[in-house]
Amino acid sequence: MRKGLLIFVLLLVLASMAADVIDPRTFALRVHDEMNASRIRNGLPALIWLEDLADLALLHSRNMGQNGFFSHQDPAGMRVSARQQRYRPDLILSEIGENLYRSKSSTRVFDPKKIALGWMNSSGHRENILKPGYTHSGVGIYVKDDSLYATQVFATPIMKLRMQLPPFFEENALYLLEFEYLSKEPRESLIGYLATPDPTSKVVQPDCSYYLGAIPLSFDWQKDKIFLLPLDFKYGTGSYILKIGWDDYVYPDLMEFKVR
């Protein structure tokens, strides 16, 4: 009897020691799975894990833990959209959102189900989780002492730039930009325009029709999700604005190209 009790106590000690060691990556994936379970129970498709969003989420969780704050706005005054534009400008998104969670445990034992329940019981967090328009997400977990910081970033990505861009482009020069297509929309419906610096510029087409202040774009598909986008800056110097969308709608102001 005493031997059995000793073994039981030893197992409890070992379990406690194991609980002290949290693998943030595994824990983040479990939180992501819990969120997807909530979406599926509510008739929504699961969110696709995107490593770039997970990196962005981890950046904020680590910032909160190391600098002792808990807020969507960081000490630099940036929220998730501004942080994405600063740290991951290669991601071209139509929407982005963020959920935060902080928990303390003297035993350093944390439960992803508790995080999911906490978010689902909060109207604002629940709205993000069940937003039909979001297609991707990533979770970042940071643990400091007895505190766990969780950030989940939601987004609707269109594409990702796969190359470095110069700070300025040259007038009358043709550039080929490489992108990875991330949207769940059919690529056959993808359309794009490049707004010219002068909105009255006449962009004549082969059939003698023309666009005012907009250059229609073509997509050169290399693989299933990789395409080249030729950009020809021949309508003066200034800012050219990329507009991408599907069928008859495009999102404005997705990327800016400064031409000199």
C-alpha atoms as a PDB file:
ATOM      1  CA  MET A   1       0.000   0.000   0.000  1.00  0.00           C
ATOM      2  CA  ARG A   2       2.778   2.386   0.959  1.00  0.00           C
ATOM      3  CA  LYS A   3       4.687   1.492  -2.201  1.00  0.00           C
ATOM      4  CA  GLY A   4       1.633   2.200  -4.362  1.00  0.00           C
ATOM      5  CA  LEU A   5       1.148   5.560  -2.655  1.00  0.00           C
ATOM      6  CA  LEU A   6       4.795   6.433  -3.233  1.00  0.00           C
ATOM      7  CA  ILE A   7       4.494   5.635  -6.933  1.00  0.00           C
ATOM      8  CA  PHE A   8       1.327   7.759  -7.156  1.00  0.00           C
ATOM      9  CA  VAL A   9       3.063  10.732  -5.476  1.00  0.00           C
ATOM     10  CA  LEU A  10       6.061  10.304  -7.790  1.00  0.00           C
ATOM     11  CA  LEU A  11       3.804  10.364 -10.847  1.00  0.00           C
ATOM     12  CA  LEU A  12       2.169  13.555  -9.588  1.00  0.00           C
ATOM     13  CA  VAL A  13       5.579  15.183  -9.144  1.00  0.00           C
ATOM     14  CA  LEU A  14       6.689  14.117 -12.628  1.00  0.00           C
ATOM     15  CA  ALA A  15       3.452  15.405 -14.130  1.00  0.00           C
ATOM     16  CA  SER A  16       3.950  18.733 -12.373  1.00  0.00           C
ATOM     17  CA  MET A  17       7.510  18.935 -13.663  1.00  0.00           C
ATOM     18  CA  ALA A  18       6.337  18.157 -17.214  1.00  0.00           C
ATOM     19  CA  ALA A  19       3.644  20.827 -16.963  1.00  0.00           C
ATOM     20  CA  ASP A  20       6.332  23.412 -16.221  1.00  0.00           C
ATOM     21  CA  VAL A  21       7.726  22.947 -19.712  1.00  0.00           C
ATOM     22  CA  ILE A  22       5.335  24.408 -22.280  1.00  0.00           C
ATOM     23  CA  ASP A  23       6.097  24.026 -25.958  1.00  0.00           C
ATOM     24  CA  PRO A  24       4.711  27.363 -27.244  1.00  0.00           C
ATOM     25  CA  ARG A  25       4.452  26.115 -30.823  1.00  0.00           C
ATOM     26  CA  THR A  26       2.436  23.010 -29.920  1.00  0.00           C
ATOM     27  CA  PHE A  27       0.257  25.013 -27.541  1.00  0.00           C
ATOM     28  CA  ALA A  28      -0.406  27.614 -30.272  1.00  0.00           C
ATOM     29  CA  LEU A  29      -1.530  24.917 -32.692  1.00  0.00           C
ATOM     30  CA  ARG A  30      -3.860  23.489 -30.045  1.00  0.00           C
ATOM     31  CA  VAL A  31      -5.430  26.929 -29.502  1.00  0.00           C
ATOM     32  CA  HIS A  32      -5.853  27.231 -33.276  1.00  0.00           C
ATOM     33  CA  ASP A  33      -7.570  23.818 -33.362  1.00  0.00           C
ATOM     34  CA  GLU A  34      -9.923  24.848 -30.553  1.00  0.00           C
ATOM     35  CA  MET A  35     -10.908  27.969 -32.472  1.00  0.00           C
ATOM     36  CA  ASN A  36     -11.578  25.924 -35.588  1.00  0.00           C
ATOM     37  CA  ALA A  37     -13.721  23.514 -33.582  1.00  0.00           C
ATOM     38  CA  SER A  38     -15.834  26.504 -32.516  1.00  0.00           C
ATOM     39  CA  ARG A  39     -16.181  27.651 -36.124  1.00  0.00           C
ATOM     40  CA  ILE A  40     -17.160  24.197 -37.348  1.00  0.00           C
ATOM     41  CA  ARG A  41     -19.777  23.863 -34.579  1.00  0.00           C
ATOM     42  CA  ASN A  42     -21.231  27.126 -35.877  1.00  0.00           C
ATOM     43  CA  GLY A  43     -21.338  26.003 -39.504  1.00  0.00           C
ATOM     44  CA  LEU A  44     -18.227  27.883 -40.654  1.00  0.00           C
ATOM     45  CA  PRO A  45     -15.176  26.522 -42.481  1.00  0.00           C
ATOM     46  CA  ALA A  46     -11.961  26.039 -40.542  1.00  0.00           C
ATOM     47  CA  LEU A  47      -9.336  28.777 -40.701  1.00  0.00           C
ATOM     48  CA  ILE A  48      -6.124  27.937 -42.547  1.00  0.00           C
ATOM     49  CA  TRP A  49      -2.970  28.206 -40.450  1.00  0.00           C
ATOM     50  CA  LEU A  50      -0.621  30.796 -41.961  1.00  0.00           C
ATOM     51  CA  GLU A  51       2.893  30.884 -40.561  1.00  0.00           C
ATOM     52  CA  ASP A  52       3.295  34.571 -41.398  1.00  0.00           C
ATOM     53  CA  LEU A  53       0.311  35.438 -39.193  1.00  0.00           C
ATOM     54  CA  ALA A  54       1.656  33.198 -36.420  1.00  0.00           C
ATOM     55  CA  ASP A  55       4.954  35.096 -36.549  1.00  0.00           C
ATOM     56  CA  LEU A  56       3.069  38.382 -36.287  1.00  0.00           C
ATOM     57  CA  ALA A  57       1.034  37.049 -33.339  1.00  0.00           C
ATOM     58  CA  LEU A  58       4.149  35.794 -31.537  1.00  0.00           C
ATOM     59  CA  LEU A  59       5.809  39.171 -32.005  1.00  0.00           C
ATOM     60  CA  HIS A  60       2.979  40.837 -30.081  1.00  0.00           C
ATOM     61  CA  SER A  61       2.721  38.158 -27.386  1.00  0.00           C
ATOM     62  CA  ARG A  62       6.464  38.405 -26.744  1.00  0.00           C
ATOM     63  CA  ASN A  63       6.286  42.204 -26.692  1.00  0.00           C
ATOM     64  CA  MET A  64       3.507  42.124 -24.085  1.00  0.00           C
ATOM     65  CA  GLY A  65       5.324  39.593 -21.899  1.00  0.00           C
ATOM     66  CA  GLN A  66       8.712  41.273 -22.025  1.00  0.00           C
ATOM     67  CA  ASN A  67       7.421  44.821 -21.600  1.00  0.00           C
ATOM     68  CA  GLY A  68       4.650  44.214 -19.082  1.00  0.00           C
ATOM     69  CA  PHE A  69       1.528  45.410 -20.884  1.00  0.00           C
ATOM     70  CA  PHE A  70      -1.665  43.808 -22.145  1.00  0.00           C
ATOM     71  CA  SER A  71      -3.336  45.726 -24.947  1.00  0.00           C
ATOM     72  CA  HIS A  72      -4.079  45.630 -28.671  1.00  0.00           C
ATOM     73  CA  GLN A  73      -2.044  48.839 -28.887  1.00  0.00           C
ATOM     74  CA  ASP A  74       1.663  48.373 -28.276  1.00  0.00           C
ATOM     75  CA  PRO A  75       4.009  50.951 -26.687  1.00  0.00           C
ATOM     76  CA  ALA A  76       4.846  52.265 -30.171  1.00  0.00           C
ATOM     77  CA  GLY A  77       1.163  53.129 -30.656  1.00  0.00           C
ATOM     78  CA  MET A  78       0.581  50.441 -33.281  1.00  0.00           C
ATOM     79  CA  ARG A  79      -2.355  48.064 -33.542  1.00  0.00           C
ATOM     80  CA  VAL A  80      -2.412  44.833 -35.486  1.00  0.00           C
ATOM     81  CA  SER A  81      -2.966  46.437 -38.907  1.00  0.00           C
ATOM     82  CA  ALA A  82      -0.069  48.855 -38.442  1.00  0.00           C
ATOM     83  CA  ARG A  83       2.177  46.088 -37.117  1.00  0.00           C
ATOM     84  CA  GLN A  84       1.394  43.968 -40.149  1.00  0.00           C
ATOM     85  CA  GLN A  85       2.237  46.812 -42.500  1.00  0.00           C
ATOM     86  CA  ARG A  86       5.525  47.452 -40.701  1.00  0.00           C
ATOM     87  CA  TYR A  87       6.744  43.913 -40.056  1.00  0.00           C
ATOM     88  CA  ARG A  88       5.023  41.893 -42.772  1.00  0.00           C
ATOM     89  CA  PRO A  89       4.380  44.267 -45.687  1.00  0.00           C
ATOM     90  CA  ASP A  90       4.840  41.310 -48.042  1.00  0.00           C
ATOM     91  CA  LEU A  91       1.375  40.097 -47.009  1.00  0.00           C
ATOM     92  CA  ILE A  92      -1.392  41.667 -49.080  1.00  0.00           C
ATOM     93  CA  LEU A  93      -4.594  41.466 -47.007  1.00  0.00           C
ATOM     94  CA  SER A  94      -8.156  42.672 -47.357  1.00  0.00           C
ATOM     95  CA  GLU A  95      -8.986  42.239 -43.632  1.00  0.00           C
ATOM     96  CA  ILE A  96      -7.150  41.659 -40.372  1.00  0.00           C
ATOM     97  CA  GLY A  97      -8.191  41.240 -36.737  1.00  0.00           C
ATOM     98  CA  GLU A  98      -6.763  40.127 -33.397  1.00  0.00           C
ATOM     99  CA  ASN A  99      -7.707  38.360 -30.153  1.00  0.00           C
ATOM    100  CA  LEU A 100      -5.620  38.569 -26.963  1.00  0.00           C
ATOM    101  CA  TYR A 101      -5.534  36.457 -23.808  1.00  0.00           C
ATOM    102  CA  ARG A 102      -3.457  36.537 -20.618  1.00  0.00           C
ATOM    103  CA  SER A 103      -3.466  33.927 -17.880  1.00  0.00           C
ATOM    104  CA  LYS A 104      -1.514  33.374 -14.661  1.00  0.00           C
ATOM    105  CA  SER A 105      -0.799  30.024 -13.027  1.00  0.00           C
ATOM    106  CA  SER A 106       1.594  29.386 -10.164  1.00  0.00           C
ATOM    107  CA  THR A 107       1.932  25.803 -11.416  1.00  0.00           C
ATOM    108  CA  ARG A 108       2.506  26.984 -15.016  1.00  0.00           C
ATOM    109  CA  VAL A 109      -0.282  24.678 -16.133  1.00  0.00           C
ATOM    110  CA  PHE A 110      -2.382  26.224 -18.921  1.00  0.00           C
ATOM    111  CA  ASP A 111      -5.275  24.859 -20.938  1.00  0.00           C
ATOM    112  CA  PRO A 112      -6.000  25.816 -24.585  1.00  0.00           C
ATOM    113  CA  LYS A 113      -9.651  24.904 -24.034  1.00  0.00           C
ATOM    114  CA  LYS A 114      -9.873  27.556 -21.312  1.00  0.00           C
ATOM    115  CA  ILE A 115      -8.513  30.167 -23.717  1.00  0.00           C
ATOM    116  CA  ALA A 116     -11.046  29.127 -26.346  1.00  0.00           C
ATOM    117  CA  LEU A 117     -13.894  29.248 -23.830  1.00  0.00           C
ATOM    118  CA  GLY A 118     -12.796  32.667 -22.604  1.00  0.00           C
ATOM    119  CA  TRP A 119     -12.768  34.071 -26.110  1.00  0.00           C
ATOM    120  CA  MET A 120     -16.083  32.478 -27.081  1.00  0.00           C
ATOM    121  CA  ASN A 121     -17.721  33.949 -23.953  1.00  0.00           C
ATOM    122  CA  SER A 122     -16.589  37.467 -24.909  1.00  0.00           C
ATOM    123  CA  SER A 123     -18.686  39.141 -27.606  1.00  0.00           C
ATOM    124  CA  GLY A 124     -15.829  40.955 -29.347  1.00  0.00           C
ATOM    125  CA  HIS A 125     -13.529  37.946 -29.381  1.00  0.00           C
ATOM    126  CA  ARG A 126     -16.346  35.650 -30.444  1.00  0.00           C
ATOM    127  CA  GLU A 127     -17.156  37.973 -33.338  1.00  0.00           C
ATOM    128  CA  ASN A 128     -13.598  37.620 -34.651  1.00  0.00           C
ATOM    129  CA  ILE A 129     -13.632  33.823 -34.280  1.00  0.00           C
ATOM    130  CA  LEU A 130     -16.960  33.468 -36.098  1.00  0.00           C
ATOM    131  CA  LYS A 131     -16.430  36.136 -38.746  1.00  0.00           C
ATOM    132  CA  PRO A 132     -17.274  34.450 -42.058  1.00  0.00           C
ATOM    133  CA  GLY A 133     -14.907  36.646 -44.059  1.00  0.00           C
ATOM    134  CA  TYR A 134     -11.741  35.502 -42.296  1.00  0.00           C
ATOM    135  CA  THR A 135      -9.984  32.607 -44.036  1.00  0.00           C
ATOM    136  CA  HIS A 136      -6.596  32.313 -42.276  1.00  0.00           C
ATOM    137  CA  SER A 137      -5.122  32.729 -38.821  1.00  0.00           C
ATOM    138  CA  GLY A 138      -2.031  32.208 -36.724  1.00  0.00           C
ATOM    139  CA  VAL A 139      -1.443  32.009 -32.969  1.00  0.00           C
ATOM    140  CA  GLY A 140       1.581  33.150 -30.963  1.00  0.00           C
ATOM    141  CA  ILE A 141       2.202  31.982 -27.384  1.00  0.00           C
ATOM    142  CA  TYR A 142       4.736  33.528 -25.003  1.00  0.00           C
ATOM    143  CA  VAL A 143       5.270  32.392 -21.400  1.00  0.00           C
ATOM    144  CA  LYS A 144       7.152  34.447 -18.822  1.00  0.00           C
ATOM    145  CA  ASP A 145       7.384  33.228 -15.225  1.00  0.00           C
ATOM    146  CA  ASP A 146       3.819  32.289 -14.274  1.00  0.00           C
ATOM    147  CA  SER A 147       2.086  34.268 -17.052  1.00  0.00           C
ATOM    148  CA  LEU A 148       0.995  33.137 -20.500  1.00  0.00           C
ATOM    149  CA  TYR A 149       0.280  35.620 -23.293  1.00  0.00           C
ATOM    150  CA  ALA A 150      -1.733  34.457 -26.307  1.00  0.00           C
ATOM    151  CA  THR A 151      -2.353  36.379 -29.512  1.00  0.00           C
ATOM    152  CA  GLN A 152      -4.425  35.122 -32.409  1.00  0.00           C
ATOM    153  CA  VAL A 153      -4.312  37.074 -35.657  1.00  0.00           C
ATOM    154  CA  PHE A 154      -7.147  36.603 -38.154  1.00  0.00           C
ATOM    155  CA  ALA A 155      -6.895  37.709 -41.763  1.00  0.00           C
ATOM    156  CA  THR A 156      -8.209  37.439 -45.282  1.00  0.00           C
ATOM    157  CA  PRO A 157      -5.032  37.346 -47.369  1.00  0.00           C
ATOM    158  CA  ILE A 158      -5.020  37.890 -51.107  1.00  0.00           C
ATOM    159  CA  MET A 159      -1.382  37.210 -51.923  1.00  0.00           C
ATOM    160  CA  LYS A 160       2.178  37.366 -50.671  1.00  0.00           C
ATOM    161  CA  LEU A 161       5.088  39.139 -52.337  1.00  0.00           C
ATOM    162  CA  ARG A 162       7.974  36.719 -52.913  1.00  0.00           C
ATOM    163  CA  MET A 163      10.767  39.192 -53.643  1.00  0.00           C
ATOM    164  CA  GLN A 164      12.460  42.324 -52.327  1.00  0.00           C
ATOM    165  CA  LEU A 165      11.360  45.610 -53.863  1.00  0.00           C
ATOM    166  CA  PRO A 166      13.513  48.695 -54.394  1.00  0.00           C
ATOM    167  CA  PRO A 167      12.516  51.836 -52.477  1.00  0.00           C
ATOM    168  CA  PHE A 168      11.924  53.579 -55.820  1.00  0.00           C
ATOM    169  CA  PHE A 169      11.059  52.440 -59.333  1.00  0.00           C
ATOM    170  CA  GLU A 170      12.234  54.001 -62.580  1.00  0.00           C
ATOM    171  CA  GLU A 171       9.896  55.635 -65.073  1.00  0.00           C
ATOM    172  CA  ASN A 172       9.420  53.809 -68.409  1.00  0.00           C
ATOM    173  CA  ALA A 173      10.818  50.587 -66.953  1.00  0.00           C
ATOM    174  CA  LEU A 174       9.058  47.209 -66.887  1.00  0.00           C
ATOM    175  CA  TYR A 175       9.179  45.187 -63.672  1.00  0.00           C
ATOM    176  CA  LEU A 176       8.119  41.589 -63.013  1.00  0.00           C
ATOM    177  CA  LEU A 177       6.863  41.005 -59.482  1.00  0.00           C
ATOM    178  CA  GLU A 178       6.434  37.472 -58.137  1.00  0.00           C
ATOM    179  CA  PHE A 179       3.540  36.645 -55.805  1.00  0.00           C
ATOM    180  CA  GLU A 180       2.054  33.632 -54.065  1.00  0.00           C
ATOM    181  CA  TYR A 181      -1.730  33.491 -54.317  1.00  0.00           C
ATOM    182  CA  LEU A 182      -3.264  32.897 -50.867  1.00  0.00           C
ATOM    183  CA  SER A 183      -6.939  33.685 -51.358  1.00  0.00           C
ATOM    184  CA  LYS A 184      -9.626  31.004 -51.312  1.00  0.00           C
ATOM    185  CA  GLU A 185     -11.346  32.807 -54.193  1.00  0.00           C
ATOM    186  CA  PRO A 186     -10.907  31.144 -57.618  1.00  0.00           C
ATOM    187  CA  ARG A 187      -7.861  32.509 -59.368  1.00  0.00           C
ATOM    188  CA  GLU A 188      -9.798  32.636 -62.663  1.00  0.00           C
ATOM    189  CA  SER A 189     -11.835  35.549 -61.268  1.00  0.00           C
ATOM    190  CA  LEU A 190      -8.778  37.565 -60.204  1.00  0.00           C
ATOM    191  CA  ILE A 191      -8.502  41.052 -61.704  1.00  0.00           C
ATOM    192  CA  GLY A 192      -6.124  43.933 -61.113  1.00  0.00           C
ATOM    193  CA  TYR A 193      -5.416  47.537 -62.007  1.00  0.00           C
ATOM    194  CA  LEU A 194      -2.564  49.932 -61.463  1.00  0.00           C
ATOM    195  CA  ALA A 195      -3.777  53.461 -60.747  1.00  0.00           C
ATOM    196  CA  THR A 196      -1.613  56.093 -62.414  1.00  0.00           C
ATOM    197  CA  PRO A 197      -0.290  59.216 -60.649  1.00  0.00           C
ATOM    198  CA  ASP A 198      -2.524  61.358 -62.856  1.00  0.00           C
ATOM    199  CA  PRO A 199      -6.141  60.120 -62.688  1.00  0.00           C
ATOM    200  CA  THR A 200      -6.821  61.700 -66.095  1.00  0.00           C
ATOM    201  CA  SER A 201      -4.149  59.659 -67.903  1.00  0.00           C
ATOM    202  CA  LYS A 202      -5.672  57.902 -70.926  1.00  0.00           C
ATOM    203  CA  VAL A 203      -4.609  54.241 -71.034  1.00  0.00           C
ATOM    204  CA  VAL A 204      -5.474  53.065 -74.561  1.00  0.00           C
ATOM    205  CA  GLN A 205      -6.248  49.378 -75.153  1.00  0.00           C
ATOM    206  CA  PRO A 206      -5.639  47.261 -78.307  1.00  0.00           C
ATOM    207  CA  ASP A 207      -9.322  47.524 -79.279  1.00  0.00           C
ATOM    208  CA  CYS A 208      -9.021  51.346 -79.146  1.00  0.00           C
ATOM    209  CA  SER A 209     -11.036  51.589 -75.932  1.00  0.00           C
ATOM    210  CA  TYR A 210      -9.320  53.246 -72.979  1.00  0.00           C
ATOM    211  CA  TYR A 211      -9.216  53.554 -69.213  1.00  0.00           C
ATOM    212  CA  LEU A 212      -8.810  56.826 -67.351  1.00  0.00           C
ATOM    213  CA  GLY A 213      -6.079  56.675 -64.711  1.00  0.00           C
ATOM    214  CA  ALA A 214      -5.973  52.873 -64.553  1.00  0.00           C
ATOM    215  CA  ILE A 215      -3.764  50.268 -66.223  1.00  0.00           C
ATOM    216  CA  PRO A 216      -5.431  46.818 -66.476  1.00  0.00           C
ATOM    217  CA  LEU A 217      -3.074  44.060 -65.334  1.00  0.00           C
ATOM    218  CA  SER A 218      -2.461  40.513 -66.518  1.00  0.00           C
ATOM    219  CA  PHE A 219      -1.359  37.578 -64.351  1.00  0.00           C
ATOM    220  CA  ASP A 220       1.307  35.223 -65.644  1.00  0.00           C
ATOM    221  CA  TRP A 221       0.706  31.997 -63.698  1.00  0.00           C
ATOM    222  CA  GLN A 222       3.865  29.951 -63.192  1.00  0.00           C
ATOM    223  CA  LYS A 223       2.463  27.248 -60.903  1.00  0.00           C
ATOM    224  CA  ASP A 224      -0.846  26.603 -59.208  1.00  0.00           C
ATOM    225  CA  LYS A 225      -0.375  29.452 -56.695  1.00  0.00           C
ATOM    226  CA  ILE A 226       2.626  31.388 -58.056  1.00  0.00           C
ATOM    227  CA  PHE A 227       2.267  34.175 -60.591  1.00  0.00           C
ATOM    228  CA  LEU A 228       4.258  37.005 -62.122  1.00  0.00           C
ATOM    229  CA  LEU A 229       2.744  40.465 -62.326  1.00  0.00           C
ATOM    230  CA  PRO A 230       4.254  42.772 -65.000  1.00  0.00           C
ATOM    231  CA  LEU A 231       4.165  46.464 -64.073  1.00  0.00           C
ATOM    232  CA  ASP A 232       4.990  49.129 -66.627  1.00  0.00           C
ATOM    233  CA  PHE A 233       5.484  52.609 -65.174  1.00  0.00           C
ATOM    234  CA  LYS A 234       5.112  54.680 -68.336  1.00  0.00           C
ATOM    235  CA  TYR A 235       2.532  57.236 -67.250  1.00  0.00           C
ATOM    236  CA  GLY A 236       4.742  59.718 -65.434  1.00  0.00           C
ATOM    237  CA  THR A 237       6.467  59.888 -62.085  1.00  0.00           C
ATOM    238  CA  GLY A 238       4.735  59.745 -58.699  1.00  0.00           C
ATOM    239  CA  SER A 239       2.741  57.084 -56.877  1.00  0.00           C
ATOM    240  CA  TYR A 240       1.186  54.121 -58.666  1.00  0.00           C
ATOM    241  CA  ILE A 241      -1.381  52.220 -56.588  1.00  0.00           C
ATOM    242  CA  LEU A 242      -2.112  48.511 -56.952  1.00  0.00           C
ATOM    243  CA  LYS A 243      -5.781  47.444 -56.869  1.00  0.00           C
ATOM    244  CA  ILE A 244      -6.655  43.744 -56.793  1.00  0.00           C
ATOM    245  CA  GLY A 245      -9.969  41.915 -56.529  1.00  0.00           C
ATOM    246  CA  TRP A 246     -12.379  39.542 -58.222  1.00  0.00           C
ATOM    247  CA  ASP A 247     -14.982  39.937 -60.951  1.00  0.00           C
ATOM    248  CA  ASP A 248     -16.265  43.522 -60.698  1.00  0.00           C
ATOM    249  CA  TYR A 249     -14.760  44.586 -57.348  1.00  0.00           C
ATOM    250  CA  VAL A 250     -11.190  45.555 -56.454  1.00  0.00           C
ATOM    251  CA  TYR A 251      -9.649  46.488 -53.111  1.00  0.00           C
ATOM    252  CA  PRO A 252      -8.035  49.930 -53.380  1.00  0.00           C
ATOM    253  CA  ASP A 253      -4.651  50.980 -52.009  1.00  0.00           C
ATOM    254  CA  LEU A 254      -3.150  47.501 -51.571  1.00  0.00           C
ATOM    255  CA  MET A 255       0.381  48.507 -52.551  1.00  0.00           C
ATOM    256  CA  GLU A 256       2.093  51.763 -53.474  1.00  0.00           C
ATOM    257  CA  PHE A 257       4.967  52.036 -55.940  1.00  0.00           C
ATOM    258  CA  LYS A 258       6.941  55.283 -55.960  1.00  0.00           C
ATOM    259  CA  VAL A 259       8.275  56.079 -59.427  1.00  0.00           C
ATOM    260  CA  ARG A 260      10.897  58.700 -60.166  1.00  0.00           C
END
